[in-house]
Amino acid sequence: MEIPFDDFVKLEIRVGKVEEAEQVKGSRNLLKLIVDFGSEKRQSMAGLLQYYKPEELVGKKFVFVLNLQRRKLMGIESQCMVLAAEDNEGNVSLVCPEKDVESGSRIR
């Protein structure tokens, strides 16, 4: 399905640096990330524990969608969503910038 370009530009996609990452108590797969976008910090909930250890994510930059409707997972609000690629074999890789760019940089 194709979407109009005007719909795509409505997405606020930015680079964020993970400052903190921890497993959510009582969950087998959820991580709570605190992400710095330069002008603000946000919390992201991500089902990544089977693919990444929390300490592997801290200090790294990834691509996030900031203007999705917020939702709660296990009672904790997710304020943005990290983007990931998954292949046919179930391998997951978080999307990250090829070069070091400033936190908060907009994806266009």
N, C-alpha and C. Protein backbone atom coordinates (compact mmCIF):
# COMPACT_ATOMS: atom_id res chain seq x y z
N MET A 1 0.83 -1.17 0.00
CA MET A 1 0.00 0.00 0.00
C MET A 1 0.89 1.24 0.00
N GLU A 2 0.64 2.14 -0.89
CA GLU A 2 1.37 3.40 -0.94
C GLU A 2 0.61 4.45 -0.14
N ILE A 3 1.38 5.34 0.49
CA ILE A 3 0.77 6.45 1.21
C ILE A 3 1.24 7.74 0.55
N PRO A 4 0.44 8.79 0.64
CA PRO A 4 0.87 10.06 0.08
C PRO A 4 2.08 10.61 0.83
N PHE A 5 2.93 11.34 0.13
CA PHE A 5 4.11 11.95 0.74
C PHE A 5 3.70 12.84 1.92
N ASP A 6 2.57 13.51 1.79
CA ASP A 6 2.09 14.39 2.87
C ASP A 6 1.87 13.61 4.17
N ASP A 7 1.49 12.32 4.07
CA ASP A 7 1.34 11.50 5.27
C ASP A 7 2.69 11.16 5.87
N PHE A 8 3.67 10.86 5.02
CA PHE A 8 5.01 10.53 5.50
C PHE A 8 5.62 11.69 6.28
N VAL A 9 5.49 12.91 5.77
CA VAL A 9 6.14 14.05 6.44
C VAL A 9 5.48 14.38 7.78
N LYS A 10 4.33 13.80 8.05
CA LYS A 10 3.70 13.99 9.35
C LYS A 10 4.47 13.27 10.46
N LEU A 11 5.23 12.25 10.09
CA LEU A 11 6.00 11.50 11.09
C LEU A 11 7.20 12.32 11.55
N GLU A 12 7.38 12.40 12.85
CA GLU A 12 8.56 13.06 13.41
C GLU A 12 9.55 11.96 13.78
N ILE A 13 10.53 11.76 12.90
CA ILE A 13 11.52 10.71 13.07
C ILE A 13 12.85 11.39 13.37
N ARG A 14 13.43 11.03 14.51
CA ARG A 14 14.67 11.69 14.96
C ARG A 14 15.66 10.68 15.53
N VAL A 15 16.91 11.12 15.58
CA VAL A 15 17.98 10.34 16.19
C VAL A 15 18.00 10.65 17.69
N GLY A 16 18.07 9.61 18.50
CA GLY A 16 18.16 9.79 19.94
C GLY A 16 19.25 8.91 20.52
N LYS A 17 19.86 9.41 21.59
CA LYS A 17 20.93 8.67 22.27
C LYS A 17 20.38 8.04 23.54
N VAL A 18 20.53 6.74 23.68
CA VAL A 18 20.05 6.02 24.86
C VAL A 18 20.96 6.34 26.04
N GLU A 19 20.38 6.93 27.07
CA GLU A 19 21.13 7.26 28.28
C GLU A 19 21.01 6.18 29.34
N GLU A 20 19.82 5.54 29.41
CA GLU A 20 19.59 4.48 30.38
C GLU A 20 18.78 3.38 29.71
N ALA A 21 19.04 2.15 30.11
CA ALA A 21 18.26 1.01 29.63
C ALA A 21 18.19 -0.01 30.76
N GLU A 22 16.96 -0.49 31.01
CA GLU A 22 16.80 -1.48 32.06
C GLU A 22 15.61 -2.39 31.74
N GLN A 23 15.71 -3.62 32.21
CA GLN A 23 14.60 -4.55 32.05
C GLN A 23 13.45 -4.12 32.95
N VAL A 24 12.24 -4.21 32.41
CA VAL A 24 11.05 -3.89 33.19
C VAL A 24 10.76 -5.06 34.11
N LYS A 25 10.64 -4.78 35.40
CA LYS A 25 10.36 -5.84 36.37
C LYS A 25 9.04 -6.51 36.05
N GLY A 26 9.05 -7.83 36.07
CA GLY A 26 7.85 -8.60 35.79
C GLY A 26 7.65 -8.91 34.32
N SER A 27 8.54 -8.43 33.46
CA SER A 27 8.43 -8.67 32.02
C SER A 27 9.60 -9.52 31.55
N ARG A 28 9.32 -10.41 30.61
CA ARG A 28 10.39 -11.25 30.06
C ARG A 28 11.10 -10.60 28.88
N ASN A 29 10.48 -9.56 28.27
CA ASN A 29 11.05 -9.03 27.04
C ASN A 29 11.16 -7.51 26.98
N LEU A 30 10.50 -6.80 27.89
CA LEU A 30 10.46 -5.34 27.78
C LEU A 30 11.67 -4.65 28.40
N LEU A 31 12.16 -3.66 27.66
CA LEU A 31 13.20 -2.76 28.16
C LEU A 31 12.62 -1.36 28.25
N LYS A 32 12.99 -0.64 29.29
CA LYS A 32 12.65 0.77 29.41
C LYS A 32 13.91 1.56 29.07
N LEU A 33 13.79 2.43 28.07
CA LEU A 33 14.91 3.25 27.63
C LEU A 33 14.63 4.71 27.96
N ILE A 34 15.63 5.42 28.43
CA ILE A 34 15.58 6.87 28.57
C ILE A 34 16.46 7.41 27.46
N VAL A 35 15.85 8.23 26.60
CA VAL A 35 16.51 8.65 25.36
C VAL A 35 16.63 10.17 25.32
N ASP A 36 17.83 10.64 24.97
CA ASP A 36 18.12 12.07 24.85
C ASP A 36 17.99 12.47 23.38
N PHE A 37 17.10 13.45 23.13
CA PHE A 37 16.91 13.98 21.78
C PHE A 37 17.48 15.40 21.65
N GLY A 38 18.39 15.76 22.53
CA GLY A 38 19.01 17.09 22.47
C GLY A 38 18.22 18.10 23.27
N SER A 39 17.04 18.45 22.81
CA SER A 39 16.22 19.46 23.49
C SER A 39 15.30 18.85 24.54
N GLU A 40 15.17 17.53 24.55
CA GLU A 40 14.30 16.85 25.52
C GLU A 40 14.71 15.40 25.68
N LYS A 41 14.24 14.80 26.77
CA LYS A 41 14.43 13.37 27.00
C LYS A 41 13.07 12.72 27.03
N ARG A 42 13.02 11.50 26.51
CA ARG A 42 11.77 10.74 26.51
C ARG A 42 12.04 9.30 26.92
N GLN A 43 10.95 8.65 27.33
CA GLN A 43 10.98 7.25 27.75
C GLN A 43 10.39 6.40 26.62
N SER A 44 11.07 5.30 26.33
CA SER A 44 10.58 4.38 25.30
C SER A 44 10.53 2.97 25.87
N MET A 45 9.44 2.28 25.60
CA MET A 45 9.31 0.88 25.98
C MET A 45 9.50 0.04 24.74
N ALA A 46 10.37 -0.95 24.82
CA ALA A 46 10.68 -1.74 23.63
C ALA A 46 10.85 -3.22 24.00
N GLY A 47 10.24 -4.08 23.21
CA GLY A 47 10.33 -5.53 23.42
C GLY A 47 11.58 -6.09 22.79
N LEU A 48 12.72 -5.78 23.37
CA LEU A 48 14.01 -6.11 22.75
C LEU A 48 14.91 -7.00 23.58
N LEU A 49 14.48 -7.41 24.76
CA LEU A 49 15.38 -8.11 25.67
C LEU A 49 15.91 -9.42 25.09
N GLN A 50 15.16 -10.07 24.23
CA GLN A 50 15.67 -11.31 23.64
C GLN A 50 16.74 -11.05 22.59
N TYR A 51 16.90 -9.78 22.17
CA TYR A 51 17.88 -9.44 21.14
C TYR A 51 19.05 -8.60 21.66
N TYR A 52 18.80 -7.82 22.71
CA TYR A 52 19.82 -6.90 23.23
C TYR A 52 19.84 -6.94 24.76
N LYS A 53 21.05 -6.86 25.33
CA LYS A 53 21.20 -6.65 26.76
C LYS A 53 21.13 -5.14 26.98
N PRO A 54 20.55 -4.70 28.10
CA PRO A 54 20.43 -3.26 28.34
C PRO A 54 21.75 -2.50 28.17
N GLU A 55 22.83 -3.06 28.69
CA GLU A 55 24.11 -2.36 28.63
C GLU A 55 24.65 -2.20 27.21
N GLU A 56 24.17 -3.02 26.26
CA GLU A 56 24.58 -2.89 24.87
C GLU A 56 24.00 -1.64 24.21
N LEU A 57 22.92 -1.11 24.76
CA LEU A 57 22.22 0.02 24.14
C LEU A 57 22.66 1.38 24.70
N VAL A 58 23.12 1.40 25.93
CA VAL A 58 23.47 2.66 26.59
C VAL A 58 24.63 3.34 25.85
N GLY A 59 24.43 4.63 25.57
CA GLY A 59 25.46 5.42 24.89
C GLY A 59 25.39 5.37 23.38
N LYS A 60 24.48 4.58 22.84
CA LYS A 60 24.37 4.46 21.38
C LYS A 60 23.18 5.27 20.86
N LYS A 61 23.28 5.65 19.59
CA LYS A 61 22.23 6.43 18.94
C LYS A 61 21.42 5.54 18.00
N PHE A 62 20.10 5.72 18.06
CA PHE A 62 19.18 4.96 17.22
C PHE A 62 18.12 5.91 16.66
N VAL A 63 17.30 5.40 15.77
CA VAL A 63 16.25 6.18 15.13
C VAL A 63 14.91 5.89 15.82
N PHE A 64 14.18 6.95 16.15
CA PHE A 64 12.91 6.86 16.88
C PHE A 64 11.82 7.66 16.18
N VAL A 65 10.58 7.20 16.33
CA VAL A 65 9.42 7.99 15.93
C VAL A 65 8.89 8.65 17.20
N LEU A 66 8.77 9.99 17.16
CA LEU A 66 8.39 10.73 18.37
C LEU A 66 6.91 11.06 18.45
N ASN A 67 6.20 11.13 17.35
CA ASN A 67 4.82 11.62 17.42
C ASN A 67 3.76 10.54 17.24
N LEU A 68 4.07 9.32 17.62
CA LEU A 68 3.03 8.29 17.68
C LEU A 68 2.21 8.52 18.95
N GLN A 69 0.99 8.06 18.94
CA GLN A 69 0.16 8.16 20.14
C GLN A 69 0.84 7.39 21.27
N ARG A 70 0.95 8.01 22.42
CA ARG A 70 1.60 7.37 23.57
C ARG A 70 0.72 6.23 24.07
N ARG A 71 1.38 5.19 24.60
CA ARG A 71 0.62 4.09 25.18
C ARG A 71 1.40 3.50 26.35
N LYS A 72 0.67 2.82 27.21
CA LYS A 72 1.29 2.22 28.38
C LYS A 72 1.50 0.73 28.15
N LEU A 73 2.68 0.27 28.54
CA LEU A 73 3.02 -1.15 28.53
C LEU A 73 3.43 -1.51 29.94
N MET A 74 2.74 -2.47 30.53
CA MET A 74 2.98 -2.87 31.92
C MET A 74 2.92 -1.66 32.85
N GLY A 75 2.00 -0.75 32.54
CA GLY A 75 1.77 0.41 33.38
C GLY A 75 2.76 1.55 33.20
N ILE A 76 3.69 1.42 32.25
CA ILE A 76 4.70 2.45 32.03
C ILE A 76 4.47 3.08 30.65
N GLU A 77 4.42 4.42 30.62
CA GLU A 77 4.13 5.12 29.36
C GLU A 77 5.33 5.09 28.42
N SER A 78 5.05 4.74 27.17
CA SER A 78 6.05 4.82 26.11
C SER A 78 5.78 6.10 25.32
N GLN A 79 6.79 6.96 25.24
CA GLN A 79 6.63 8.29 24.65
C GLN A 79 7.25 8.40 23.26
N CYS A 80 7.84 7.33 22.77
CA CYS A 80 8.41 7.29 21.43
C CYS A 80 8.67 5.82 21.10
N MET A 81 8.99 5.54 19.83
CA MET A 81 9.21 4.16 19.42
C MET A 81 10.51 4.05 18.64
N VAL A 82 11.36 3.13 19.07
CA VAL A 82 12.61 2.88 18.36
C VAL A 82 12.30 2.03 17.12
N LEU A 83 13.01 2.31 16.02
CA LEU A 83 12.81 1.56 14.78
C LEU A 83 13.80 0.41 14.69
N ALA A 84 13.32 -0.72 14.20
CA ALA A 84 14.15 -1.91 14.07
C ALA A 84 13.80 -2.63 12.78
N ALA A 85 14.78 -3.36 12.26
CA ALA A 85 14.57 -4.22 11.10
C ALA A 85 14.54 -5.66 11.57
N GLU A 86 13.67 -6.46 10.97
CA GLU A 86 13.60 -7.89 11.28
C GLU A 86 13.59 -8.67 9.98
N ASP A 87 14.49 -9.66 9.87
CA ASP A 87 14.53 -10.46 8.65
C ASP A 87 13.62 -11.68 8.78
N ASN A 88 13.57 -12.48 7.74
CA ASN A 88 12.69 -13.66 7.71
C ASN A 88 13.06 -14.72 8.74
N GLU A 89 14.27 -14.65 9.27
CA GLU A 89 14.72 -15.64 10.26
C GLU A 89 14.55 -15.14 11.69
N GLY A 90 13.95 -13.94 11.85
CA GLY A 90 13.72 -13.41 13.18
C GLY A 90 14.87 -12.64 13.78
N ASN A 91 15.92 -12.36 13.00
CA ASN A 91 17.02 -11.54 13.49
C ASN A 91 16.57 -10.08 13.51
N VAL A 92 16.87 -9.39 14.61
CA VAL A 92 16.44 -8.01 14.79
C VAL A 92 17.66 -7.11 14.94
N SER A 93 17.61 -5.97 14.25
CA SER A 93 18.68 -4.98 14.32
C SER A 93 18.06 -3.59 14.44
N LEU A 94 18.46 -2.85 15.44
CA LEU A 94 17.95 -1.49 15.60
C LEU A 94 18.54 -0.59 14.51
N VAL A 95 17.74 0.36 14.06
CA VAL A 95 18.16 1.28 13.01
C VAL A 95 18.98 2.40 13.65
N CYS A 96 20.18 2.62 13.10
CA CYS A 96 21.05 3.65 13.65
C CYS A 96 21.68 4.45 12.51
N PRO A 97 22.08 5.70 12.78
CA PRO A 97 22.71 6.50 11.74
C PRO A 97 24.08 5.94 11.37
N GLU A 98 24.40 6.01 10.10
CA GLU A 98 25.69 5.51 9.60
C GLU A 98 26.86 6.34 10.15
N LYS A 99 26.66 7.65 10.25
CA LYS A 99 27.68 8.56 10.77
C LYS A 99 27.16 9.17 12.06
N ASP A 100 28.07 9.69 12.87
CA ASP A 100 27.67 10.32 14.13
C ASP A 100 27.02 11.66 13.83
N VAL A 101 25.74 11.76 14.12
CA VAL A 101 25.01 13.02 13.98
C VAL A 101 24.49 13.42 15.35
N GLU A 102 24.16 14.68 15.47
CA GLU A 102 23.68 15.23 16.73
C GLU A 102 22.37 14.59 17.17
N SER A 103 22.24 14.34 18.47
CA SER A 103 20.97 13.84 19.01
C SER A 103 19.88 14.85 18.67
N GLY A 104 18.73 14.33 18.24
CA GLY A 104 17.62 15.19 17.85
C GLY A 104 17.58 15.46 16.36
N SER A 105 18.63 15.03 15.62
CA SER A 105 18.63 15.24 14.16
C SER A 105 17.40 14.59 13.54
N ARG A 106 16.77 15.32 12.64
CA ARG A 106 15.54 14.84 12.01
C ARG A 106 15.87 13.94 10.82
N ILE A 107 15.12 12.86 10.69
CA ILE A 107 15.25 11.97 9.54
C ILE A 107 14.32 12.51 8.47
N ARG A 108 14.83 12.68 7.30
CA ARG A 108 14.04 13.23 6.19
C ARG A 108 13.99 12.26 5.04
